[in-house]
Amino acid sequence: MLGSFGLRKSLNAAIPQTLRHAASVIPIISIDTDGQITYINQPGMELVQELTGRERLPRTLIGQNLAKVLNKGLASTVIGRTIQTGREIQGQLLAFGQSLYTVMTKLIRDNDNTIGCVEYAIKVRKSERKEKLQVSQAFARHLASKLGYQSTEWIDDISYEHSQQLIRYLCQSNHMVELTEYCPYKFQCAFNPEHGYLALDRRNYR
């Protein structure tokens, strides 16, 4: 577990300078490589509450194992996945509970050794212009049709942001959000492995 001085120093290095002034209002959580929570602010506590659906949480979560708090494997959490893979997230739109957040993770290192990870999330509210939305939807549907997917009519009802993400992963034939349960469009996307009915790697129904 990081000492208090070392933790403050590591967090200061991990959180961008432009966001430090907002540290009291955006959710921030850090863990060590064992998944123990080493730092969590009040907005972070509220985010955990939303993720777990609990009405009440312990007074502090510091020292507790994040996997046990969330009741899922550490590798199935966004911050735990970052430690496992070594790939940081840079401003990705994700669904946490019923809300959408722009999420960033940053590995905490001591020299060349990874000793933890910090995650912060900014709640977002979406807006879109109708003209831009229709163009993006039309392109996504055309692309899906050309690639041979049998069902494309549902694309007419998705958001602009979803259509943009859909275009990217149709081109890559891979999900943009590795942990698909956090995809903000999981209930609207036919390609979602759990809630959808199309497979990206097979251009037909499951």
C-alpha atoms as a PDB file:
ATOM      1  CA  MET A   1       0.000   0.000   0.000  1.00  0.00           C
ATOM      2  CA  LEU A   2       1.307   3.441  -0.845  1.00  0.00           C
ATOM      3  CA  GLY A   3       2.245   5.732   2.024  1.00  0.00           C
ATOM      4  CA  SER A   4       0.316   8.981   2.285  1.00  0.00           C
ATOM      5  CA  PHE A   5       3.191  11.116   1.003  1.00  0.00           C
ATOM      6  CA  GLY A   6       3.967   8.719  -1.824  1.00  0.00           C
ATOM      7  CA  LEU A   7       0.299   8.498  -2.733  1.00  0.00           C
ATOM      8  CA  ARG A   8      -0.127  12.272  -2.924  1.00  0.00           C
ATOM      9  CA  LYS A   9       3.007  12.550  -5.046  1.00  0.00           C
ATOM     10  CA  SER A  10       1.867   9.735  -7.370  1.00  0.00           C
ATOM     11  CA  LEU A  11      -1.627  11.151  -7.770  1.00  0.00           C
ATOM     12  CA  ASN A  12      -0.267  14.610  -8.528  1.00  0.00           C
ATOM     13  CA  ALA A  13       1.842  13.088 -11.287  1.00  0.00           C
ATOM     14  CA  ALA A  14      -1.035  11.002 -12.654  1.00  0.00           C
ATOM     15  CA  ILE A  15      -3.776  13.641 -12.801  1.00  0.00           C
ATOM     16  CA  PRO A  16      -3.383  16.243 -15.573  1.00  0.00           C
ATOM     17  CA  GLN A  17      -2.673  19.774 -14.376  1.00  0.00           C
ATOM     18  CA  THR A  18      -5.806  21.060 -16.122  1.00  0.00           C
ATOM     19  CA  LEU A  19      -8.044  18.840 -13.984  1.00  0.00           C
ATOM     20  CA  ARG A  20      -6.432  19.242 -10.563  1.00  0.00           C
ATOM     21  CA  HIS A  21      -8.560  22.291  -9.791  1.00  0.00           C
ATOM     22  CA  ALA A  22     -11.664  20.119 -10.314  1.00  0.00           C
ATOM     23  CA  ALA A  23     -10.494  17.245  -8.123  1.00  0.00           C
ATOM     24  CA  SER A  24     -13.198  17.988  -5.555  1.00  0.00           C
ATOM     25  CA  VAL A  25     -16.065  17.688  -8.046  1.00  0.00           C
ATOM     26  CA  ILE A  26     -15.105  14.841 -10.428  1.00  0.00           C
ATOM     27  CA  PRO A  27     -14.914  11.194  -9.336  1.00  0.00           C
ATOM     28  CA  ILE A  28     -11.338  10.059  -8.716  1.00  0.00           C
ATOM     29  CA  ILE A  29     -10.367   6.553  -7.592  1.00  0.00           C
ATOM     30  CA  SER A  30      -6.933   4.965  -7.333  1.00  0.00           C
ATOM     31  CA  ILE A  31      -5.938   1.390  -6.567  1.00  0.00           C
ATOM     32  CA  ASP A  32      -2.702  -0.510  -6.121  1.00  0.00           C
ATOM     33  CA  THR A  33      -1.797  -3.539  -8.228  1.00  0.00           C
ATOM     34  CA  ASP A  34      -3.642  -5.840  -5.815  1.00  0.00           C
ATOM     35  CA  GLY A  35      -6.855  -3.900  -6.305  1.00  0.00           C
ATOM     36  CA  GLN A  36      -6.804  -2.214  -2.893  1.00  0.00           C
ATOM     37  CA  ILE A  37      -8.361   1.254  -2.968  1.00  0.00           C
ATOM     38  CA  THR A  38      -5.644   3.754  -2.064  1.00  0.00           C
ATOM     39  CA  TYR A  39      -7.598   6.951  -2.722  1.00  0.00           C
ATOM     40  CA  ILE A  40     -11.204   7.894  -3.375  1.00  0.00           C
ATOM     41  CA  ASN A  41     -12.849  11.303  -3.107  1.00  0.00           C
ATOM     42  CA  GLN A  42     -16.501  12.034  -2.333  1.00  0.00           C
ATOM     43  CA  PRO A  43     -17.622  12.120  -5.993  1.00  0.00           C
ATOM     44  CA  GLY A  44     -15.794   8.814  -6.382  1.00  0.00           C
ATOM     45  CA  MET A  45     -17.811   7.390  -3.494  1.00  0.00           C
ATOM     46  CA  GLU A  46     -20.983   8.568  -5.228  1.00  0.00           C
ATOM     47  CA  LEU A  47     -19.876   6.879  -8.470  1.00  0.00           C
ATOM     48  CA  VAL A  48     -19.288   3.583  -6.621  1.00  0.00           C
ATOM     49  CA  GLN A  49     -22.739   3.986  -5.099  1.00  0.00           C
ATOM     50  CA  GLU A  50     -24.235   4.363  -8.579  1.00  0.00           C
ATOM     51  CA  LEU A  51     -22.301   1.344  -9.889  1.00  0.00           C
ATOM     52  CA  THR A  52     -23.343  -0.894  -7.015  1.00  0.00           C
ATOM     53  CA  GLY A  53     -26.887   0.413  -6.549  1.00  0.00           C
ATOM     54  CA  ARG A  54     -26.342   0.585  -2.803  1.00  0.00           C
ATOM     55  CA  GLU A  55     -28.151   3.195  -0.766  1.00  0.00           C
ATOM     56  CA  ARG A  56     -25.328   3.316   1.765  1.00  0.00           C
ATOM     57  CA  LEU A  57     -21.585   2.738   1.673  1.00  0.00           C
ATOM     58  CA  PRO A  58     -19.034   2.471   4.487  1.00  0.00           C
ATOM     59  CA  ARG A  59     -17.699   5.819   5.659  1.00  0.00           C
ATOM     60  CA  THR A  60     -14.470   5.147   3.767  1.00  0.00           C
ATOM     61  CA  LEU A  61     -13.493   2.616   1.117  1.00  0.00           C
ATOM     62  CA  ILE A  62      -9.763   3.196   1.394  1.00  0.00           C
ATOM     63  CA  GLY A  63      -8.036  -0.097   2.121  1.00  0.00           C
ATOM     64  CA  GLN A  64     -10.875  -2.191   0.715  1.00  0.00           C
ATOM     65  CA  ASN A  65     -10.559  -4.343  -2.380  1.00  0.00           C
ATOM     66  CA  LEU A  66     -12.312  -2.725  -5.338  1.00  0.00           C
ATOM     67  CA  ALA A  67     -13.303  -6.083  -6.835  1.00  0.00           C
ATOM     68  CA  LYS A  68     -15.129  -7.031  -3.653  1.00  0.00           C
ATOM     69  CA  VAL A  69     -16.765  -3.616  -3.373  1.00  0.00           C
ATOM     70  CA  LEU A  70     -18.098  -3.875  -6.943  1.00  0.00           C
ATOM     71  CA  ASN A  71     -18.706  -7.625  -6.682  1.00  0.00           C
ATOM     72  CA  LYS A  72     -16.831  -8.451  -9.882  1.00  0.00           C
ATOM     73  CA  GLY A  73     -13.360  -9.543 -10.926  1.00  0.00           C
ATOM     74  CA  LEU A  74     -10.743  -6.806 -10.950  1.00  0.00           C
ATOM     75  CA  ALA A  75     -10.057  -7.439 -14.647  1.00  0.00           C
ATOM     76  CA  SER A  76     -13.736  -6.704 -15.321  1.00  0.00           C
ATOM     77  CA  THR A  77     -13.383  -3.158 -13.980  1.00  0.00           C
ATOM     78  CA  VAL A  78     -12.093  -0.328 -16.148  1.00  0.00           C
ATOM     79  CA  ILE A  79      -9.280   0.601 -13.763  1.00  0.00           C
ATOM     80  CA  GLY A  80      -8.333  -3.034 -13.139  1.00  0.00           C
ATOM     81  CA  ARG A  81      -8.247  -3.730 -16.867  1.00  0.00           C
ATOM     82  CA  THR A  82      -5.801  -0.865 -17.292  1.00  0.00           C
ATOM     83  CA  ILE A  83      -3.423  -2.430 -14.753  1.00  0.00           C
ATOM     84  CA  GLN A  84      -3.810  -5.856 -16.346  1.00  0.00           C
ATOM     85  CA  THR A  85      -3.170  -4.743 -19.927  1.00  0.00           C
ATOM     86  CA  GLY A  86      -0.971  -1.700 -19.351  1.00  0.00           C
ATOM     87  CA  ARG A  87      -3.180   0.269 -21.753  1.00  0.00           C
ATOM     88  CA  GLU A  88      -4.413   3.587 -20.412  1.00  0.00           C
ATOM     89  CA  ILE A  89      -7.773   5.046 -21.431  1.00  0.00           C
ATOM     90  CA  GLN A  90      -7.744   8.551 -22.845  1.00  0.00           C
ATOM     91  CA  GLY A  91     -11.135  10.258 -22.713  1.00  0.00           C
ATOM     92  CA  GLN A  92     -13.392   7.340 -23.651  1.00  0.00           C
ATOM     93  CA  LEU A  93     -17.148   7.628 -23.315  1.00  0.00           C
ATOM     94  CA  LEU A  94     -18.397   4.863 -21.001  1.00  0.00           C
ATOM     95  CA  ALA A  95     -21.594   3.965 -19.171  1.00  0.00           C
ATOM     96  CA  PHE A  96     -21.319   3.740 -15.399  1.00  0.00           C
ATOM     97  CA  GLY A  97     -24.669   2.792 -13.921  1.00  0.00           C
ATOM     98  CA  GLN A  98     -27.353   4.892 -15.608  1.00  0.00           C
ATOM     99  CA  SER A  99     -25.006   7.761 -16.501  1.00  0.00           C
ATOM    100  CA  LEU A 100     -22.443   8.485 -19.209  1.00  0.00           C
ATOM    101  CA  TYR A 101     -18.916   9.563 -18.327  1.00  0.00           C
ATOM    102  CA  THR A 102     -15.796  10.562 -20.191  1.00  0.00           C
ATOM    103  CA  VAL A 103     -13.217   8.347 -18.505  1.00  0.00           C
ATOM    104  CA  MET A 104      -9.439   8.450 -18.279  1.00  0.00           C
ATOM    105  CA  THR A 105      -7.102   6.029 -16.530  1.00  0.00           C
ATOM    106  CA  LYS A 106      -3.457   6.672 -15.745  1.00  0.00           C
ATOM    107  CA  LEU A 107      -0.945   4.115 -14.520  1.00  0.00           C
ATOM    108  CA  ILE A 108       0.993   5.096 -11.403  1.00  0.00           C
ATOM    109  CA  ARG A 109       4.661   4.166 -11.672  1.00  0.00           C
ATOM    110  CA  ASP A 110       7.626   4.112  -9.342  1.00  0.00           C
ATOM    111  CA  ASN A 111      10.599   4.313 -11.670  1.00  0.00           C
ATOM    112  CA  ASP A 112       9.782   1.569 -14.210  1.00  0.00           C
ATOM    113  CA  ASN A 113       7.440  -0.413 -11.960  1.00  0.00           C
ATOM    114  CA  THR A 114       3.668  -0.059 -12.090  1.00  0.00           C
ATOM    115  CA  ILE A 115       2.407   0.355  -8.532  1.00  0.00           C
ATOM    116  CA  GLY A 116      -1.202   1.325  -9.186  1.00  0.00           C
ATOM    117  CA  CYS A 117      -3.665   3.192 -11.345  1.00  0.00           C
ATOM    118  CA  VAL A 118      -5.870   6.251 -11.020  1.00  0.00           C
ATOM    119  CA  GLU A 119      -9.198   6.697 -12.791  1.00  0.00           C
ATOM    120  CA  TYR A 120     -11.230   9.851 -13.132  1.00  0.00           C
ATOM    121  CA  ALA A 121     -14.580  10.355 -14.795  1.00  0.00           C
ATOM    122  CA  ILE A 122     -16.418  13.437 -16.025  1.00  0.00           C
ATOM    123  CA  LYS A 123     -20.194  13.174 -16.335  1.00  0.00           C
ATOM    124  CA  VAL A 124     -21.409  14.225 -19.747  1.00  0.00           C
ATOM    125  CA  ARG A 125     -24.650  15.377 -21.265  1.00  0.00           C
ATOM    126  CA  LYS A 126     -25.072  14.802 -24.967  1.00  0.00           C
ATOM    127  CA  SER A 127     -26.457  17.141 -27.609  1.00  0.00           C
ATOM    128  CA  GLU A 128     -26.611  16.639 -31.340  1.00  0.00           C
ATOM    129  CA  ARG A 129     -27.731  18.481 -34.462  1.00  0.00           C
ATOM    130  CA  LYS A 130     -30.280  16.688 -36.613  1.00  0.00           C
ATOM    131  CA  GLU A 131     -28.461  17.234 -39.916  1.00  0.00           C
ATOM    132  CA  LYS A 132     -25.150  15.905 -38.619  1.00  0.00           C
ATOM    133  CA  LEU A 133     -26.926  12.961 -37.000  1.00  0.00           C
ATOM    134  CA  GLN A 134     -28.714  11.927 -40.201  1.00  0.00           C
ATOM    135  CA  VAL A 135     -25.535  12.043 -42.288  1.00  0.00           C
ATOM    136  CA  SER A 136     -23.633   9.925 -39.782  1.00  0.00           C
ATOM    137  CA  GLN A 137     -26.483   7.414 -39.433  1.00  0.00           C
ATOM    138  CA  ALA A 138     -26.796   7.071 -43.213  1.00  0.00           C
ATOM    139  CA  PHE A 139     -23.074   6.460 -43.637  1.00  0.00           C
ATOM    140  CA  ALA A 140     -22.974   3.875 -40.819  1.00  0.00           C
ATOM    141  CA  ARG A 141     -25.971   2.026 -42.282  1.00  0.00           C
ATOM    142  CA  HIS A 142     -24.496   2.095 -45.794  1.00  0.00           C
ATOM    143  CA  LEU A 143     -21.192   0.743 -44.497  1.00  0.00           C
ATOM    144  CA  ALA A 144     -22.859  -2.049 -42.534  1.00  0.00           C
ATOM    145  CA  SER A 145     -24.924  -3.004 -45.567  1.00  0.00           C
ATOM    146  CA  LYS A 146     -21.885  -3.055 -47.859  1.00  0.00           C
ATOM    147  CA  LEU A 147     -20.051  -5.282 -45.372  1.00  0.00           C
ATOM    148  CA  GLY A 148     -22.871  -7.793 -45.600  1.00  0.00           C
ATOM    149  CA  TYR A 149     -24.655  -7.466 -42.256  1.00  0.00           C
ATOM    150  CA  GLN A 150     -28.259  -8.565 -42.614  1.00  0.00           C
ATOM    151  CA  SER A 151     -29.889  -6.110 -40.212  1.00  0.00           C
ATOM    152  CA  THR A 152     -29.186  -2.386 -40.539  1.00  0.00           C
ATOM    153  CA  GLU A 153     -32.538  -0.628 -39.995  1.00  0.00           C
ATOM    154  CA  TRP A 154     -31.844  -0.176 -36.256  1.00  0.00           C
ATOM    155  CA  ILE A 155     -29.000   2.219 -37.126  1.00  0.00           C
ATOM    156  CA  ASP A 156     -31.596   4.879 -38.039  1.00  0.00           C
ATOM    157  CA  ASP A 157     -32.501   5.169 -34.347  1.00  0.00           C
ATOM    158  CA  ILE A 158     -29.037   5.495 -32.787  1.00  0.00           C
ATOM    159  CA  SER A 159     -27.340   8.692 -31.616  1.00  0.00           C
ATOM    160  CA  TYR A 160     -24.653  10.624 -33.472  1.00  0.00           C
ATOM    161  CA  GLU A 161     -21.938   9.505 -31.023  1.00  0.00           C
ATOM    162  CA  HIS A 162     -23.054   5.888 -31.353  1.00  0.00           C
ATOM    163  CA  SER A 163     -23.040   6.063 -35.149  1.00  0.00           C
ATOM    164  CA  GLN A 164     -19.504   7.479 -35.099  1.00  0.00           C
ATOM    165  CA  GLN A 165     -18.322   4.674 -32.828  1.00  0.00           C
ATOM    166  CA  LEU A 166     -20.133   2.137 -35.006  1.00  0.00           C
ATOM    167  CA  ILE A 167     -18.321   3.366 -38.106  1.00  0.00           C
ATOM    168  CA  ARG A 168     -14.952   2.971 -36.364  1.00  0.00           C
ATOM    169  CA  TYR A 169     -15.527  -0.562 -35.188  1.00  0.00           C
ATOM    170  CA  LEU A 170     -17.133  -1.679 -38.436  1.00  0.00           C
ATOM    171  CA  CYS A 171     -13.883  -0.631 -40.110  1.00  0.00           C
ATOM    172  CA  GLN A 172     -11.809  -2.491 -37.498  1.00  0.00           C
ATOM    173  CA  SER A 173     -14.219  -5.411 -36.975  1.00  0.00           C
ATOM    174  CA  ASN A 174     -13.529  -5.020 -33.269  1.00  0.00           C
ATOM    175  CA  HIS A 175     -15.366  -3.485 -30.323  1.00  0.00           C
ATOM    176  CA  MET A 176     -14.122  -0.005 -29.358  1.00  0.00           C
ATOM    177  CA  VAL A 177     -14.980  -0.627 -25.685  1.00  0.00           C
ATOM    178  CA  GLU A 178     -13.119  -3.785 -24.615  1.00  0.00           C
ATOM    179  CA  LEU A 179     -15.308  -4.324 -21.551  1.00  0.00           C
ATOM    180  CA  THR A 180     -18.589  -4.217 -23.441  1.00  0.00           C
ATOM    181  CA  GLU A 181     -20.729  -4.019 -20.292  1.00  0.00           C
ATOM    182  CA  TYR A 182     -19.498  -0.412 -19.962  1.00  0.00           C
ATOM    183  CA  CYS A 183     -20.392   0.505 -23.537  1.00  0.00           C
ATOM    184  CA  PRO A 184     -22.771   3.493 -23.359  1.00  0.00           C
ATOM    185  CA  TYR A 185     -24.771   2.079 -26.265  1.00  0.00           C
ATOM    186  CA  LYS A 186     -25.074  -1.535 -25.078  1.00  0.00           C
ATOM    187  CA  PHE A 187     -28.878  -1.498 -25.047  1.00  0.00           C
ATOM    188  CA  GLN A 188     -29.188   0.158 -28.479  1.00  0.00           C
ATOM    189  CA  CYS A 189     -26.435  -1.676 -30.384  1.00  0.00           C
ATOM    190  CA  ALA A 190     -27.209  -4.883 -32.260  1.00  0.00           C
ATOM    191  CA  PHE A 191     -23.527  -5.809 -32.002  1.00  0.00           C
ATOM    192  CA  ASN A 192     -23.380  -5.834 -28.209  1.00  0.00           C
ATOM    193  CA  PRO A 193     -22.366  -9.394 -27.174  1.00  0.00           C
ATOM    194  CA  GLU A 194     -24.878  -9.529 -24.327  1.00  0.00           C
ATOM    195  CA  HIS A 195     -27.836  -7.426 -25.445  1.00  0.00           C
ATOM    196  CA  GLY A 196     -27.518  -7.512 -29.245  1.00  0.00           C
ATOM    197  CA  TYR A 197     -28.173 -10.113 -31.911  1.00  0.00           C
ATOM    198  CA  LEU A 198     -25.414  -9.573 -34.501  1.00  0.00           C
ATOM    199  CA  ALA A 199     -21.781 -10.680 -34.318  1.00  0.00           C
ATOM    200  CA  LEU A 200     -19.099  -8.347 -35.654  1.00  0.00           C
ATOM    201  CA  ASP A 201     -16.949 -11.211 -36.915  1.00  0.00           C
ATOM    202  CA  ARG A 202     -19.845 -12.991 -38.642  1.00  0.00           C
ATOM    203  CA  ARG A 203     -22.056 -10.931 -40.887  1.00  0.00           C
ATOM    204  CA  ASN A 204     -25.250 -12.685 -39.848  1.00  0.00           C
ATOM    205  CA  TYR A 205     -27.495 -13.321 -36.910  1.00  0.00           C
ATOM    206  CA  ARG A 206     -26.258 -15.264 -33.879  1.00  0.00           C
END
